[in-house]
Amino acid sequence: MLPAPRTRDEAHLYLDLHGCPQCSGVEVAWAESLVDRNGVLARRYHGECAQCGLPREVVFALPDRPTPPGPGATVTFGAADDPSVLFDAGQWVEIADMMALAAGLPDVPEDEAAQWRATAVACLDEALKFLPAGAEVLPDAAFFSDAGRRLRDRTPERFHRADLTTRRATLAGHP
């Protein structure tokens, strides 16, 4: 069983980023249900890979404290004081990069680009949750995945408070 996503948005992001082990496809019509796993209540997502037909299943622990969507937010990954256990700071920055890139593609309609940018901003907010009060650089503990550590090692300057907040402001439309 995987750790608990804090919101449905975080669970769906995880599902979207972890493709089929057989063909790497990500399109699945996920059904979800509550299940008992060894006496622990969990949320099960299941369906078939649209590309190859492989049955897929992902089971998440339930959060101790679920996070409701933020008022007016288009995406909510977690509460302000609650960093992710599914994605580390490096992964959030990398996901923000992917979303920002998608927003800048030439044939993307503006409403879709705005959604990509809003998701990128939310991802940078998630990375900033790993930054202790008063600290200027994300600590080593903020990077618990190989992918996150690799990105930090390649571009350490991207994990400074100033860089993260500037990029966030630019994406949010406040240069």
N, C-alpha and C. Protein backbone atom coordinates (compact mmCIF):
# COMPACT_ATOMS: atom_id res chain seq x y z
N MET A 1 0.85 -1.17 0.00
CA MET A 1 0.00 0.00 0.00
C MET A 1 0.90 1.24 0.00
N LEU A 2 0.52 2.22 -0.84
CA LEU A 2 1.26 3.47 -0.93
C LEU A 2 0.88 4.41 0.21
N PRO A 3 1.74 5.39 0.49
CA PRO A 3 1.37 6.39 1.49
C PRO A 3 0.11 7.14 1.08
N ALA A 4 -0.42 7.90 2.00
CA ALA A 4 -1.68 8.60 1.77
C ALA A 4 -1.51 9.88 0.97
N PRO A 5 -2.24 10.02 -0.13
CA PRO A 5 -2.32 11.33 -0.77
C PRO A 5 -3.23 12.22 0.09
N ARG A 6 -2.95 13.50 0.12
CA ARG A 6 -3.74 14.39 0.97
C ARG A 6 -5.06 14.79 0.33
N THR A 7 -5.11 14.74 -1.00
CA THR A 7 -6.33 15.11 -1.72
C THR A 7 -6.51 14.20 -2.92
N ARG A 8 -7.68 14.28 -3.49
CA ARG A 8 -7.96 13.54 -4.72
C ARG A 8 -7.06 14.03 -5.86
N ASP A 9 -6.81 15.36 -5.89
CA ASP A 9 -5.93 15.91 -6.93
C ASP A 9 -4.54 15.28 -6.84
N GLU A 10 -4.02 15.12 -5.62
CA GLU A 10 -2.69 14.52 -5.47
C GLU A 10 -2.70 13.05 -5.89
N ALA A 11 -3.76 12.33 -5.53
CA ALA A 11 -3.87 10.92 -5.94
C ALA A 11 -3.91 10.81 -7.46
N HIS A 12 -4.70 11.66 -8.10
CA HIS A 12 -4.82 11.60 -9.57
C HIS A 12 -3.53 12.01 -10.26
N LEU A 13 -2.80 12.96 -9.68
CA LEU A 13 -1.50 13.33 -10.24
C LEU A 13 -0.56 12.13 -10.18
N TYR A 14 -0.55 11.43 -9.05
CA TYR A 14 0.28 10.23 -8.91
C TYR A 14 -0.09 9.20 -9.98
N LEU A 15 -1.39 8.97 -10.15
CA LEU A 15 -1.85 7.99 -11.14
C LEU A 15 -1.44 8.41 -12.55
N ASP A 16 -1.56 9.71 -12.85
CA ASP A 16 -1.21 10.21 -14.18
C ASP A 16 0.29 10.07 -14.47
N LEU A 17 1.11 10.15 -13.44
CA LEU A 17 2.56 10.13 -13.63
C LEU A 17 3.17 8.74 -13.54
N HIS A 18 2.39 7.76 -13.16
CA HIS A 18 2.90 6.39 -13.04
C HIS A 18 2.17 5.52 -14.05
N GLY A 19 2.77 5.41 -15.21
CA GLY A 19 2.15 4.70 -16.31
C GLY A 19 2.12 3.19 -16.13
N CYS A 20 1.50 2.58 -17.07
CA CYS A 20 1.36 1.12 -17.11
C CYS A 20 2.74 0.45 -17.11
N PRO A 21 2.94 -0.55 -16.28
CA PRO A 21 4.24 -1.23 -16.25
C PRO A 21 4.53 -2.03 -17.53
N GLN A 22 3.50 -2.30 -18.30
CA GLN A 22 3.70 -3.07 -19.52
C GLN A 22 3.98 -2.18 -20.73
N CYS A 23 3.24 -1.07 -20.88
CA CYS A 23 3.37 -0.26 -22.09
C CYS A 23 3.63 1.22 -21.81
N SER A 24 3.63 1.62 -20.55
CA SER A 24 3.84 3.01 -20.12
C SER A 24 2.65 3.92 -20.41
N GLY A 25 1.55 3.37 -20.91
CA GLY A 25 0.35 4.19 -21.13
C GLY A 25 -0.19 4.74 -19.82
N VAL A 26 -0.82 5.90 -19.90
CA VAL A 26 -1.35 6.52 -18.68
C VAL A 26 -2.87 6.66 -18.70
N GLU A 27 -3.49 6.33 -19.82
CA GLU A 27 -4.94 6.45 -19.92
C GLU A 27 -5.61 5.23 -19.28
N VAL A 28 -6.32 5.51 -18.19
CA VAL A 28 -7.09 4.47 -17.49
C VAL A 28 -8.38 5.12 -17.01
N ALA A 29 -9.51 4.48 -17.22
CA ALA A 29 -10.77 4.94 -16.65
C ALA A 29 -10.82 4.39 -15.22
N TRP A 30 -10.22 5.14 -14.30
CA TRP A 30 -10.09 4.65 -12.92
C TRP A 30 -11.43 4.60 -12.21
N ALA A 31 -11.71 3.48 -11.58
CA ALA A 31 -12.82 3.35 -10.64
C ALA A 31 -12.18 3.37 -9.26
N GLU A 32 -12.90 3.84 -8.27
CA GLU A 32 -12.31 3.88 -6.93
C GLU A 32 -13.29 3.36 -5.90
N SER A 33 -12.72 2.79 -4.85
CA SER A 33 -13.54 2.25 -3.77
C SER A 33 -12.72 2.20 -2.49
N LEU A 34 -13.41 2.14 -1.38
CA LEU A 34 -12.74 1.93 -0.10
C LEU A 34 -12.59 0.43 0.09
N VAL A 35 -11.43 0.02 0.58
CA VAL A 35 -11.16 -1.40 0.78
C VAL A 35 -10.49 -1.59 2.14
N ASP A 36 -10.57 -2.80 2.64
CA ASP A 36 -9.88 -3.16 3.88
C ASP A 36 -8.63 -3.94 3.49
N ARG A 37 -7.47 -3.43 3.85
CA ARG A 37 -6.21 -4.11 3.60
C ARG A 37 -5.57 -4.44 4.94
N ASN A 38 -5.70 -5.70 5.34
CA ASN A 38 -5.13 -6.16 6.61
C ASN A 38 -5.61 -5.33 7.79
N GLY A 39 -6.91 -5.05 7.81
CA GLY A 39 -7.49 -4.30 8.91
C GLY A 39 -7.32 -2.79 8.81
N VAL A 40 -6.77 -2.33 7.70
CA VAL A 40 -6.57 -0.89 7.50
C VAL A 40 -7.44 -0.44 6.33
N LEU A 41 -8.23 0.60 6.56
CA LEU A 41 -9.07 1.13 5.50
C LEU A 41 -8.19 1.89 4.51
N ALA A 42 -8.40 1.64 3.21
CA ALA A 42 -7.58 2.25 2.17
C ALA A 42 -8.47 2.60 0.98
N ARG A 43 -7.92 3.40 0.05
CA ARG A 43 -8.63 3.73 -1.18
C ARG A 43 -7.97 3.00 -2.33
N ARG A 44 -8.78 2.25 -3.08
CA ARG A 44 -8.29 1.45 -4.21
C ARG A 44 -8.75 2.08 -5.50
N TYR A 45 -7.80 2.32 -6.39
CA TYR A 45 -8.09 2.75 -7.76
C TYR A 45 -7.81 1.56 -8.66
N HIS A 46 -8.74 1.26 -9.57
CA HIS A 46 -8.55 0.13 -10.46
C HIS A 46 -9.19 0.39 -11.81
N GLY A 47 -8.63 -0.24 -12.83
CA GLY A 47 -9.14 -0.10 -14.18
C GLY A 47 -8.21 -0.82 -15.14
N GLU A 48 -8.46 -0.64 -16.43
CA GLU A 48 -7.63 -1.27 -17.46
C GLU A 48 -6.88 -0.20 -18.22
N CYS A 49 -5.65 -0.50 -18.55
CA CYS A 49 -4.85 0.39 -19.39
C CYS A 49 -5.55 0.48 -20.75
N ALA A 50 -5.84 1.70 -21.19
CA ALA A 50 -6.52 1.90 -22.47
C ALA A 50 -5.64 1.50 -23.65
N GLN A 51 -4.33 1.48 -23.45
CA GLN A 51 -3.41 1.17 -24.55
C GLN A 51 -3.21 -0.32 -24.75
N CYS A 52 -3.01 -1.07 -23.64
CA CYS A 52 -2.69 -2.50 -23.80
C CYS A 52 -3.69 -3.43 -23.10
N GLY A 53 -4.60 -2.88 -22.32
CA GLY A 53 -5.61 -3.70 -21.66
C GLY A 53 -5.19 -4.33 -20.34
N LEU A 54 -3.97 -4.08 -19.89
CA LEU A 54 -3.50 -4.65 -18.63
C LEU A 54 -4.34 -4.13 -17.46
N PRO A 55 -4.83 -5.03 -16.61
CA PRO A 55 -5.53 -4.56 -15.41
C PRO A 55 -4.56 -3.78 -14.52
N ARG A 56 -5.01 -2.62 -14.01
CA ARG A 56 -4.18 -1.78 -13.16
C ARG A 56 -4.85 -1.63 -11.81
N GLU A 57 -4.05 -1.55 -10.77
CA GLU A 57 -4.56 -1.32 -9.42
C GLU A 57 -3.53 -0.52 -8.64
N VAL A 58 -4.01 0.50 -7.94
CA VAL A 58 -3.17 1.28 -7.04
C VAL A 58 -3.98 1.45 -5.75
N VAL A 59 -3.34 1.16 -4.62
CA VAL A 59 -4.01 1.28 -3.32
C VAL A 59 -3.23 2.27 -2.47
N PHE A 60 -3.94 3.29 -1.99
CA PHE A 60 -3.36 4.33 -1.15
C PHE A 60 -3.89 4.20 0.27
N ALA A 61 -3.05 4.47 1.24
CA ALA A 61 -3.53 4.64 2.61
C ALA A 61 -4.43 5.87 2.63
N LEU A 62 -5.32 5.93 3.59
CA LEU A 62 -6.16 7.12 3.74
C LEU A 62 -5.41 8.13 4.60
N PRO A 63 -5.57 9.42 4.30
CA PRO A 63 -4.88 10.43 5.11
C PRO A 63 -5.48 10.52 6.51
N ASP A 64 -4.64 10.88 7.48
CA ASP A 64 -5.15 11.11 8.82
C ASP A 64 -6.12 12.28 8.82
N ARG A 65 -5.79 13.27 8.00
CA ARG A 65 -6.58 14.49 7.95
C ARG A 65 -6.74 14.88 6.48
N PRO A 66 -7.87 14.54 5.85
CA PRO A 66 -8.06 14.90 4.45
C PRO A 66 -8.09 16.42 4.28
N THR A 67 -7.65 16.88 3.13
CA THR A 67 -7.62 18.31 2.82
C THR A 67 -8.74 18.63 1.86
N PRO A 68 -9.64 19.55 2.25
CA PRO A 68 -10.68 19.97 1.31
C PRO A 68 -10.08 20.88 0.24
N PRO A 69 -10.72 20.99 -0.92
CA PRO A 69 -10.22 21.90 -1.95
C PRO A 69 -10.16 23.33 -1.40
N GLY A 70 -9.16 24.07 -1.85
CA GLY A 70 -9.03 25.46 -1.44
C GLY A 70 -10.10 26.30 -2.09
N PRO A 71 -10.56 27.35 -1.40
CA PRO A 71 -11.60 28.21 -1.98
C PRO A 71 -11.11 28.85 -3.28
N GLY A 72 -11.83 28.64 -4.34
CA GLY A 72 -11.49 29.20 -5.64
C GLY A 72 -10.30 28.55 -6.33
N ALA A 73 -9.70 27.56 -5.72
CA ALA A 73 -8.53 26.90 -6.30
C ALA A 73 -8.96 25.95 -7.40
N THR A 74 -8.19 25.92 -8.49
CA THR A 74 -8.49 24.97 -9.55
C THR A 74 -7.88 23.60 -9.25
N VAL A 75 -6.86 23.58 -8.38
CA VAL A 75 -6.23 22.34 -7.97
C VAL A 75 -5.75 22.50 -6.53
N THR A 76 -5.94 21.47 -5.73
CA THR A 76 -5.47 21.48 -4.34
C THR A 76 -4.76 20.16 -4.08
N PHE A 77 -3.48 20.26 -3.76
CA PHE A 77 -2.71 19.05 -3.48
C PHE A 77 -2.62 18.76 -1.99
N GLY A 78 -2.67 19.80 -1.14
CA GLY A 78 -2.57 19.60 0.30
C GLY A 78 -2.69 20.90 1.04
N ALA A 79 -2.92 20.81 2.34
CA ALA A 79 -3.05 22.00 3.19
C ALA A 79 -1.70 22.71 3.31
N ALA A 80 -1.76 23.98 3.69
CA ALA A 80 -0.57 24.83 3.73
C ALA A 80 0.54 24.28 4.62
N ASP A 81 0.18 23.60 5.68
CA ASP A 81 1.19 23.12 6.64
C ASP A 81 1.43 21.62 6.54
N ASP A 82 1.12 21.04 5.39
CA ASP A 82 1.13 19.59 5.26
C ASP A 82 1.88 19.16 3.99
N PRO A 83 3.22 18.97 4.06
CA PRO A 83 3.95 18.56 2.86
C PRO A 83 3.60 17.13 2.43
N SER A 84 3.80 16.88 1.18
CA SER A 84 3.49 15.59 0.57
C SER A 84 4.42 14.48 1.07
N VAL A 85 3.89 13.27 1.09
CA VAL A 85 4.72 12.08 1.32
C VAL A 85 4.81 11.25 0.04
N LEU A 86 4.05 11.63 -0.98
CA LEU A 86 4.11 10.92 -2.26
C LEU A 86 5.19 11.51 -3.17
N PHE A 87 5.35 12.83 -3.14
CA PHE A 87 6.30 13.54 -4.00
C PHE A 87 7.21 14.39 -3.13
N ASP A 88 8.49 14.42 -3.46
CA ASP A 88 9.40 15.29 -2.72
C ASP A 88 9.52 16.64 -3.43
N ALA A 89 10.31 17.55 -2.84
CA ALA A 89 10.43 18.90 -3.39
C ALA A 89 10.96 18.89 -4.82
N GLY A 90 11.93 18.05 -5.11
CA GLY A 90 12.47 17.97 -6.46
C GLY A 90 11.43 17.51 -7.47
N GLN A 91 10.64 16.53 -7.08
CA GLN A 91 9.59 16.03 -7.98
C GLN A 91 8.55 17.12 -8.23
N TRP A 92 8.18 17.88 -7.19
CA TRP A 92 7.20 18.95 -7.38
C TRP A 92 7.72 19.99 -8.36
N VAL A 93 9.01 20.34 -8.25
CA VAL A 93 9.59 21.31 -9.18
C VAL A 93 9.61 20.75 -10.60
N GLU A 94 9.94 19.49 -10.74
CA GLU A 94 9.96 18.87 -12.06
C GLU A 94 8.55 18.82 -12.67
N ILE A 95 7.56 18.52 -11.86
CA ILE A 95 6.17 18.50 -12.35
C ILE A 95 5.75 19.91 -12.74
N ALA A 96 6.14 20.91 -11.94
CA ALA A 96 5.83 22.30 -12.28
C ALA A 96 6.44 22.65 -13.64
N ASP A 97 7.67 22.19 -13.88
CA ASP A 97 8.32 22.43 -15.17
C ASP A 97 7.50 21.84 -16.32
N MET A 98 7.02 20.61 -16.14
CA MET A 98 6.22 19.96 -17.19
C MET A 98 4.94 20.73 -17.45
N MET A 99 4.29 21.18 -16.38
CA MET A 99 3.04 21.93 -16.52
C MET A 99 3.27 23.26 -17.21
N ALA A 100 4.34 23.96 -16.82
CA ALA A 100 4.66 25.25 -17.44
C ALA A 100 5.00 25.08 -18.92
N LEU A 101 5.72 24.02 -19.23
CA LEU A 101 6.04 23.73 -20.62
C LEU A 101 4.77 23.48 -21.43
N ALA A 102 3.85 22.69 -20.88
CA ALA A 102 2.58 22.41 -21.56
C ALA A 102 1.80 23.70 -21.79
N ALA A 103 1.84 24.61 -20.83
CA ALA A 103 1.11 25.88 -20.95
C ALA A 103 1.66 26.74 -22.07
N GLY A 104 2.95 26.59 -22.38
CA GLY A 104 3.59 27.42 -23.38
C GLY A 104 3.59 26.86 -24.78
N LEU A 105 3.00 25.69 -24.97
CA LEU A 105 2.96 25.12 -26.32
C LEU A 105 2.10 26.00 -27.22
N PRO A 106 2.49 26.13 -28.49
CA PRO A 106 1.83 27.11 -29.37
C PRO A 106 0.35 26.84 -29.66
N ASP A 107 -0.07 25.60 -29.72
CA ASP A 107 -1.46 25.31 -30.10
C ASP A 107 -2.38 25.07 -28.91
N VAL A 108 -1.94 25.41 -27.70
CA VAL A 108 -2.76 25.18 -26.51
C VAL A 108 -3.72 26.36 -26.34
N PRO A 109 -5.03 26.09 -26.28
CA PRO A 109 -5.99 27.17 -26.05
C PRO A 109 -5.70 27.87 -24.71
N GLU A 110 -6.01 29.15 -24.61
CA GLU A 110 -5.67 29.93 -23.44
C GLU A 110 -6.30 29.39 -22.16
N ASP A 111 -7.53 28.89 -22.20
CA ASP A 111 -8.14 28.36 -20.98
C ASP A 111 -7.40 27.11 -20.49
N GLU A 112 -6.93 26.30 -21.42
CA GLU A 112 -6.15 25.12 -21.05
C GLU A 112 -4.77 25.53 -20.54
N ALA A 113 -4.16 26.52 -21.18
CA ALA A 113 -2.86 27.02 -20.73
C ALA A 113 -2.97 27.59 -19.31
N ALA A 114 -4.06 28.28 -19.04
CA ALA A 114 -4.26 28.84 -17.69
C ALA A 114 -4.36 27.73 -16.65
N GLN A 115 -5.00 26.62 -17.00
CA GLN A 115 -5.10 25.48 -16.08
C GLN A 115 -3.72 24.87 -15.84
N TRP A 116 -2.92 24.73 -16.91
CA TRP A 116 -1.56 24.19 -16.76
C TRP A 116 -0.74 25.10 -15.84
N ARG A 117 -0.85 26.43 -16.06
CA ARG A 117 -0.10 27.38 -15.22
C ARG A 117 -0.55 27.31 -13.77
N ALA A 118 -1.86 27.22 -13.54
CA ALA A 118 -2.37 27.13 -12.17
C ALA A 118 -1.85 25.86 -11.49
N THR A 119 -1.77 24.78 -12.23
CA THR A 119 -1.24 23.54 -11.66
C THR A 119 0.25 23.68 -11.37
N ALA A 120 0.98 24.34 -12.26
CA ALA A 120 2.41 24.58 -12.02
C ALA A 120 2.62 25.42 -10.77
N VAL A 121 1.80 26.45 -10.58
CA VAL A 121 1.88 27.29 -9.37
C VAL A 121 1.62 26.44 -8.14
N ALA A 122 0.59 25.59 -8.19
CA ALA A 122 0.28 24.72 -7.04
C ALA A 122 1.44 23.77 -6.76
N CYS A 123 2.12 23.29 -7.78
CA CYS A 123 3.28 22.41 -7.59
C CYS A 123 4.43 23.15 -6.92
N LEU A 124 4.68 24.38 -7.33
CA LEU A 124 5.74 25.17 -6.67
C LEU A 124 5.36 25.47 -5.22
N ASP A 125 4.08 25.71 -4.96
CA ASP A 125 3.63 25.87 -3.57
C ASP A 125 3.95 24.62 -2.76
N GLU A 126 3.77 23.46 -3.38
CA GLU A 126 4.08 22.20 -2.69
C GLU A 126 5.57 22.09 -2.38
N ALA A 127 6.41 22.46 -3.33
CA ALA A 127 7.86 22.42 -3.09
C ALA A 127 8.23 23.36 -1.95
N LEU A 128 7.61 24.54 -1.91
CA LEU A 128 7.91 25.52 -0.86
C LEU A 128 7.50 25.04 0.54
N LYS A 129 6.55 24.10 0.61
CA LYS A 129 6.15 23.57 1.92
C LYS A 129 7.29 22.83 2.62
N PHE A 130 8.28 22.39 1.86
CA PHE A 130 9.42 21.68 2.44
C PHE A 130 10.48 22.65 2.98
N LEU A 131 10.31 23.93 2.74
CA LEU A 131 11.28 24.94 3.14
C LEU A 131 10.97 25.40 4.56
N PRO A 132 11.89 25.15 5.51
CA PRO A 132 11.64 25.60 6.88
C PRO A 132 11.56 27.12 6.97
N ALA A 133 10.80 27.62 7.92
CA ALA A 133 10.68 29.07 8.13
C ALA A 133 12.07 29.66 8.31
N GLY A 134 12.32 30.74 7.60
CA GLY A 134 13.60 31.43 7.70
C GLY A 134 14.72 30.85 6.87
N ALA A 135 14.56 29.66 6.34
CA ALA A 135 15.61 29.03 5.53
C ALA A 135 15.57 29.60 4.11
N GLU A 136 16.72 29.65 3.49
CA GLU A 136 16.81 30.16 2.12
C GLU A 136 16.97 29.05 1.09
N VAL A 137 17.33 27.83 1.54
CA VAL A 137 17.55 26.70 0.64
C VAL A 137 16.82 25.49 1.20
N LEU A 138 16.23 24.73 0.30
CA LEU A 138 15.55 23.50 0.74
C LEU A 138 16.57 22.54 1.36
N PRO A 139 16.24 21.94 2.49
CA PRO A 139 17.17 21.02 3.15
C PRO A 139 17.24 19.67 2.44
N ASP A 140 18.28 18.92 2.73
CA ASP A 140 18.45 17.58 2.14
C ASP A 140 17.23 16.69 2.38
N ALA A 141 16.60 16.82 3.54
CA ALA A 141 15.44 15.98 3.87
C ALA A 141 14.26 16.22 2.94
N ALA A 142 14.25 17.33 2.21
CA ALA A 142 13.16 17.64 1.28
C ALA A 142 13.24 16.79 0.02
N PHE A 143 14.33 16.03 -0.13
CA PHE A 143 14.57 15.24 -1.34
C PHE A 143 14.68 13.77 -0.95
N PHE A 144 13.57 13.04 -1.02
CA PHE A 144 13.58 11.65 -0.59
C PHE A 144 13.42 10.67 -1.75
N SER A 145 13.37 11.18 -2.97
CA SER A 145 13.30 10.29 -4.14
C SER A 145 14.58 10.44 -4.94
N ASP A 146 14.92 9.40 -5.70
CA ASP A 146 16.09 9.47 -6.58
C ASP A 146 15.91 10.58 -7.61
N ALA A 147 14.70 10.68 -8.18
CA ALA A 147 14.44 11.70 -9.21
C ALA A 147 14.60 13.10 -8.63
N GLY A 148 14.08 13.31 -7.44
CA GLY A 148 14.19 14.63 -6.81
C GLY A 148 15.63 15.00 -6.50
N ARG A 149 16.39 14.03 -6.00
CA ARG A 149 17.81 14.29 -5.70
C ARG A 149 18.61 14.55 -6.98
N ARG A 150 18.30 13.83 -8.04
CA ARG A 150 19.02 14.05 -9.31
C ARG A 150 18.79 15.47 -9.83
N LEU A 151 17.54 15.94 -9.78
CA LEU A 151 17.24 17.29 -10.25
C LEU A 151 17.96 18.32 -9.37
N ARG A 152 17.94 18.14 -8.07
CA ARG A 152 18.63 19.06 -7.17
C ARG A 152 20.13 19.07 -7.45
N ASP A 153 20.71 17.89 -7.68
CA ASP A 153 22.15 17.81 -7.92
C ASP A 153 22.54 18.48 -9.25
N ARG A 154 21.66 18.39 -10.25
CA ARG A 154 21.94 19.02 -11.56
C ARG A 154 21.77 20.53 -11.50
N THR A 155 20.77 21.01 -10.74
CA THR A 155 20.43 22.44 -10.73
C THR A 155 20.12 22.92 -9.31
N PRO A 156 21.12 22.93 -8.43
CA PRO A 156 20.86 23.28 -7.03
C PRO A 156 20.31 24.70 -6.85
N GLU A 157 20.63 25.61 -7.74
CA GLU A 157 20.15 26.99 -7.62
C GLU A 157 18.63 27.09 -7.71
N ARG A 158 17.99 26.10 -8.29
CA ARG A 158 16.53 26.12 -8.45
C ARG A 158 15.80 25.83 -7.16
N PHE A 159 16.52 25.47 -6.11
CA PHE A 159 15.88 25.09 -4.86
C PHE A 159 16.13 26.11 -3.74
N HIS A 160 16.37 27.34 -4.17
CA HIS A 160 16.49 28.46 -3.25
C HIS A 160 15.14 29.16 -3.17
N ARG A 161 14.83 29.70 -2.00
CA ARG A 161 13.55 30.39 -1.81
C ARG A 161 13.33 31.44 -2.90
N ALA A 162 14.35 32.25 -3.17
CA ALA A 162 14.20 33.34 -4.14
C ALA A 162 13.82 32.82 -5.52
N ASP A 163 14.47 31.75 -5.98
CA ASP A 163 14.17 31.20 -7.30
C ASP A 163 12.75 30.64 -7.34
N LEU A 164 12.38 29.87 -6.33
CA LEU A 164 11.05 29.25 -6.30
C LEU A 164 9.95 30.31 -6.26
N THR A 165 10.12 31.33 -5.43
CA THR A 165 9.07 32.35 -5.32
C THR A 165 8.99 33.23 -6.56
N THR A 166 10.14 33.49 -7.20
CA THR A 166 10.13 34.28 -8.45
C THR A 166 9.42 33.50 -9.55
N ARG A 167 9.76 32.23 -9.69
CA ARG A 167 9.13 31.40 -10.72
C ARG A 167 7.63 31.28 -10.47
N ARG A 168 7.27 31.12 -9.20
CA ARG A 168 5.86 31.02 -8.84
C ARG A 168 5.12 32.31 -9.24
N ALA A 169 5.67 33.44 -8.89
CA ALA A 169 5.05 34.73 -9.20
C ALA A 169 4.91 34.93 -10.71
N THR A 170 5.94 34.56 -11.46
CA THR A 170 5.88 34.70 -12.91
C THR A 170 4.76 33.84 -13.49
N LEU A 171 4.67 32.60 -13.05
CA LEU A 171 3.61 31.72 -13.55
C LEU A 171 2.23 32.20 -13.14
N ALA A 172 2.13 32.78 -11.96
CA ALA A 172 0.84 33.27 -11.49
C ALA A 172 0.44 34.58 -12.17
N GLY A 173 1.38 35.14 -12.99
CA GLY A 173 1.05 36.36 -13.71
C GLY A 173 1.43 37.63 -12.99
N HIS A 174 2.33 37.49 -12.01
CA HIS A 174 2.78 38.65 -11.24
C HIS A 174 4.30 38.77 -11.37
N PRO A 175 4.78 39.35 -12.48
CA PRO A 175 6.24 39.41 -12.70
C PRO A 175 6.99 40.19 -11.64
